[in-house]
Amino acid sequence: MIVARVVSAVIGYICGLFLLGYFIGKKENVDLHNVGSGNVGMTNTARSLGAKAGAATLISDVCKVFVAMFVVWLIFHKAYADQIRLLELYAGLGTVIGHNFPIYMKGKGGKGIACTGGTLLGFCPIAVPVSLGIFLLLSVITRYVSLGSIIGLLSMLVQVIVLGETGHLPVPDAYLPEVYVIIAFITVLGIVRHRANIVRLVKGTENKFSLHKKEQ
């Protein structure tokens, strides 16, 4: 099933290459790489181009994970019925990587939080309420989306391990270690992508989130 894993991840990567925020910025003659945090994800899109653009980017980033998972399901659900959810997780992993490191932007993509949320929703929806709640609560209270994202990522990893060990993940037990490694990789990747934010949080210079469009 190694080839199926690779194909699933590649399908995800291709889907991850569609970064709506970047294209909305181009339409508005704004290069998101040169404004705000320089990121092309939802937060910088909303901060630089307004709430509607940010919301559209969020929806797109989540939905492209679903597209990748659905394509993988169409291709492999008959041949690998017992492992299809694992392959869908590989599709989610590939989407996050494609979103974060798009080849046509020389790796200057987003931070993958919305894609990670989409992956969790598609693979283990029962873990979403807690992780999403933590993200929203911290982001609203502190107005630091980066802080909410980091703690939300960590809560995702903890939940997946707990759910796996208690028999609540949609994969055979033999694949649980592989699932844990994938989720741990996504978690660490998300935190690493926030390394500059972490430094600013420590220094007290992190930008607070606002839905008001910044003047260019």
Protein backbone atom coordinates (compact mmCIF):
# COMPACT_ATOMS: atom_id res chain seq x y z
CA MET A 1 0.00 0.00 0.00
CA ILE A 2 3.05 2.23 -0.14
CA VAL A 3 2.19 3.45 -3.63
CA ALA A 4 -1.36 4.27 -2.51
CA ARG A 5 0.03 6.33 0.37
CA VAL A 6 2.31 8.28 -1.96
CA VAL A 7 -0.44 8.83 -4.54
CA SER A 8 -2.81 10.03 -1.82
CA ALA A 9 -0.26 12.51 -0.50
CA VAL A 10 0.50 13.77 -4.02
CA ILE A 11 -3.20 14.29 -4.72
CA GLY A 12 -3.41 16.27 -1.50
CA TYR A 13 -0.35 18.32 -2.40
CA ILE A 14 -1.86 19.28 -5.76
CA CYS A 15 -5.10 20.37 -4.09
CA GLY A 16 -3.13 22.31 -1.50
CA LEU A 17 -1.54 24.43 -4.21
CA PHE A 18 -4.75 26.43 -4.64
CA LEU A 19 -4.31 29.40 -2.30
CA LEU A 20 -7.40 31.55 -2.73
CA GLY A 21 -6.10 34.38 -0.53
CA TYR A 22 -3.14 34.88 -2.83
CA PHE A 23 -5.36 35.06 -5.92
CA ILE A 24 -7.82 37.43 -4.26
CA GLY A 25 -4.87 39.65 -3.42
CA LYS A 26 -3.65 39.57 -7.00
CA LYS A 27 -7.11 40.58 -8.19
CA GLU A 28 -6.96 43.54 -5.79
CA ASN A 29 -3.39 44.35 -6.91
CA VAL A 30 -2.10 43.36 -3.48
CA ASP A 31 0.73 40.88 -3.06
CA LEU A 32 0.13 39.33 0.35
CA HIS A 33 3.80 38.44 0.54
CA ASN A 34 4.53 42.15 0.85
CA VAL A 35 1.88 43.23 3.35
CA GLY A 36 1.12 42.40 6.96
CA SER A 37 2.82 39.19 8.07
CA GLY A 38 3.71 38.27 4.48
CA ASN A 39 1.56 35.16 4.77
CA VAL A 40 -1.03 34.09 2.18
CA GLY A 41 -3.33 32.32 4.63
CA MET A 42 -6.65 33.31 6.15
CA THR A 43 -5.41 35.61 8.93
CA ASN A 44 -3.24 37.87 6.80
CA THR A 45 -5.84 37.83 4.01
CA ALA A 46 -8.54 39.01 6.43
CA ARG A 47 -6.23 41.58 8.01
CA SER A 48 -5.05 42.95 4.66
CA LEU A 49 -8.07 42.49 2.38
CA GLY A 50 -11.04 42.40 4.74
CA ALA A 51 -13.33 39.91 6.47
CA LYS A 52 -15.05 38.64 3.30
CA ALA A 53 -11.74 37.77 1.68
CA GLY A 54 -10.59 36.11 4.87
CA ALA A 55 -13.78 34.06 5.19
CA ALA A 56 -13.58 32.96 1.55
CA THR A 57 -9.98 31.91 2.08
CA LEU A 58 -10.87 29.95 5.21
CA ILE A 59 -13.67 28.07 3.44
CA SER A 60 -11.45 27.36 0.45
CA ASP A 61 -8.59 26.06 2.60
CA VAL A 62 -10.90 23.67 4.43
CA CYS A 63 -12.75 22.52 1.32
CA LYS A 64 -9.62 21.69 -0.67
CA VAL A 65 -8.84 19.06 1.96
CA PHE A 66 -12.28 17.55 1.42
CA VAL A 67 -11.71 17.54 -2.33
CA ALA A 68 -8.41 15.71 -1.90
CA MET A 69 -9.95 13.17 0.47
CA PHE A 70 -12.89 12.59 -1.87
CA VAL A 71 -10.62 12.00 -4.87
CA VAL A 72 -8.57 9.52 -2.83
CA TRP A 73 -11.78 7.78 -1.74
CA LEU A 74 -12.95 7.50 -5.35
CA ILE A 75 -9.66 5.93 -6.43
CA PHE A 76 -8.95 3.59 -3.53
CA HIS A 77 -12.12 2.79 -1.58
CA LYS A 78 -12.66 -0.54 -3.34
CA ALA A 79 -9.07 -1.74 -3.35
CA TYR A 80 -8.31 -0.62 0.21
CA ALA A 81 -11.65 -0.60 2.00
CA ASP A 82 -10.14 -1.18 5.46
CA GLN A 83 -7.37 1.39 4.98
CA ILE A 84 -9.27 4.11 3.13
CA ARG A 85 -9.46 6.45 6.13
CA LEU A 86 -5.70 6.22 6.55
CA LEU A 87 -5.24 7.10 2.89
CA GLU A 88 -7.60 10.04 3.32
CA LEU A 89 -5.39 11.19 6.18
CA TYR A 90 -2.42 11.07 3.83
CA ALA A 91 -4.43 13.24 1.44
CA GLY A 92 -4.93 15.73 4.26
CA LEU A 93 -1.22 15.66 5.05
CA GLY A 94 -0.38 16.33 1.41
CA THR A 95 -2.84 19.22 1.30
CA VAL A 96 -1.25 20.86 4.32
CA ILE A 97 2.21 20.49 2.77
CA GLY A 98 1.03 21.86 -0.58
CA HIS A 99 -0.62 24.81 1.16
CA ASN A 100 2.48 25.56 3.21
CA PHE A 101 5.07 24.95 0.52
CA PRO A 102 3.56 25.67 -2.92
CA ILE A 103 6.18 25.03 -5.56
CA TYR A 104 5.12 28.00 -7.69
CA MET A 105 5.70 30.39 -4.76
CA LYS A 106 9.07 28.90 -3.83
CA GLY A 107 7.60 27.54 -0.61
CA LYS A 108 6.07 30.84 0.57
CA GLY A 109 2.60 29.56 1.33
CA GLY A 110 0.37 29.67 4.37
CA LYS A 111 0.72 28.13 7.81
CA GLY A 112 -1.76 25.34 7.23
CA ILE A 113 -4.07 25.85 10.18
CA ALA A 114 -7.32 25.85 8.20
CA CYS A 115 -6.11 22.87 6.14
CA THR A 116 -5.17 21.09 9.35
CA GLY A 117 -8.66 21.81 10.68
CA GLY A 118 -10.13 20.39 7.49
CA THR A 119 -7.97 17.29 7.86
CA LEU A 120 -9.14 16.79 11.43
CA LEU A 121 -12.76 17.35 10.41
CA GLY A 122 -12.51 14.83 7.59
CA PHE A 123 -10.60 12.19 9.55
CA CYS A 124 -11.77 12.57 13.15
CA PRO A 125 -14.71 14.99 13.42
CA ILE A 126 -15.39 14.19 17.09
CA ALA A 127 -12.10 15.94 17.97
CA VAL A 128 -13.07 19.16 16.19
CA PRO A 129 -15.31 20.82 18.84
CA VAL A 130 -12.58 20.89 21.50
CA SER A 131 -9.76 22.01 19.19
CA LEU A 132 -11.95 24.57 17.44
CA GLY A 133 -13.31 25.81 20.75
CA ILE A 134 -9.81 26.29 22.15
CA PHE A 135 -8.71 28.09 19.00
CA LEU A 136 -11.70 30.43 18.97
CA LEU A 137 -11.66 31.09 22.72
CA LEU A 138 -7.98 32.00 22.87
CA SER A 139 -8.12 33.99 19.63
CA VAL A 140 -11.10 36.04 20.83
CA ILE A 141 -9.86 36.60 24.37
CA THR A 142 -6.25 37.44 23.51
CA ARG A 143 -6.80 38.56 19.88
CA TYR A 144 -3.70 36.51 19.06
CA VAL A 145 -4.72 34.07 16.32
CA SER A 146 -1.25 32.58 16.43
CA LEU A 147 -1.63 31.62 20.10
CA GLY A 148 -5.04 30.07 19.48
CA SER A 149 -3.62 28.16 16.52
CA ILE A 150 -0.65 26.75 18.44
CA ILE A 151 -2.66 25.60 21.45
CA GLY A 152 -5.41 24.29 19.16
CA LEU A 153 -2.81 22.21 17.29
CA LEU A 154 -1.49 20.71 20.51
CA SER A 155 -5.01 19.87 21.67
CA MET A 156 -5.59 18.10 18.35
CA LEU A 157 -2.58 15.86 18.86
CA VAL A 158 -3.54 15.01 22.43
CA GLN A 159 -7.12 14.21 21.43
CA VAL A 160 -6.14 11.97 18.54
CA ILE A 161 -3.83 9.93 20.77
CA VAL A 162 -6.48 9.62 23.49
CA LEU A 163 -9.18 8.68 20.98
CA GLY A 164 -6.90 6.18 19.32
CA GLU A 165 -5.98 4.50 22.58
CA THR A 166 -9.64 4.26 23.56
CA GLY A 167 -10.71 2.78 20.23
CA HIS A 168 -12.46 5.80 18.75
CA LEU A 169 -10.42 6.40 15.58
CA PRO A 170 -11.72 5.13 12.21
CA VAL A 171 -8.69 2.94 11.44
CA PRO A 172 -7.61 -0.57 12.46
CA ASP A 173 -5.40 -0.66 15.56
CA ALA A 174 -2.41 -1.75 13.48
CA TYR A 175 -2.34 1.69 11.84
CA LEU A 176 -2.62 3.77 15.01
CA PRO A 177 1.14 4.42 15.34
CA GLU A 178 1.18 5.67 11.74
CA VAL A 179 -1.77 7.95 12.45
CA TYR A 180 -0.03 9.36 15.52
CA VAL A 181 3.13 10.08 13.53
CA ILE A 182 1.18 11.88 10.80
CA ILE A 183 -0.79 14.00 13.26
CA ALA A 184 2.38 14.73 15.25
CA PHE A 185 4.13 15.81 12.04
CA ILE A 186 1.26 18.13 11.10
CA THR A 187 1.26 19.56 14.62
CA VAL A 188 5.01 20.20 14.70
CA LEU A 189 4.89 21.64 11.18
CA GLY A 190 2.16 24.06 12.19
CA ILE A 191 4.10 25.18 15.26
CA VAL A 192 7.33 25.59 13.27
CA ARG A 193 5.47 27.71 10.74
CA HIS A 194 4.53 29.96 13.66
CA ARG A 195 8.10 30.34 14.92
CA ALA A 196 8.23 34.05 14.10
CA ASN A 197 4.89 34.54 15.85
CA ILE A 198 6.20 32.69 18.90
CA VAL A 199 9.18 35.04 19.09
CA ARG A 200 6.86 38.06 18.85
CA LEU A 201 4.52 36.61 21.47
CA VAL A 202 7.43 36.23 23.88
CA LYS A 203 8.57 39.77 23.16
CA GLY A 204 5.03 41.15 23.37
CA THR A 205 5.15 42.53 19.83
CA GLU A 206 2.77 40.09 18.11
CA ASN A 207 0.08 41.72 15.97
CA LYS A 208 -3.42 41.49 17.38
CA PHE A 209 -6.13 40.33 15.01
CA SER A 210 -8.71 42.72 13.64
CA LEU A 211 -11.37 42.25 10.99
CA HIS A 212 -10.88 45.80 9.76
CA LYS A 213 -9.15 45.98 6.40
CA LYS A 214 -5.81 47.70 6.61
CA GLU A 215 -5.18 50.67 4.37
CA GLN A 216 -2.63 49.90 1.70
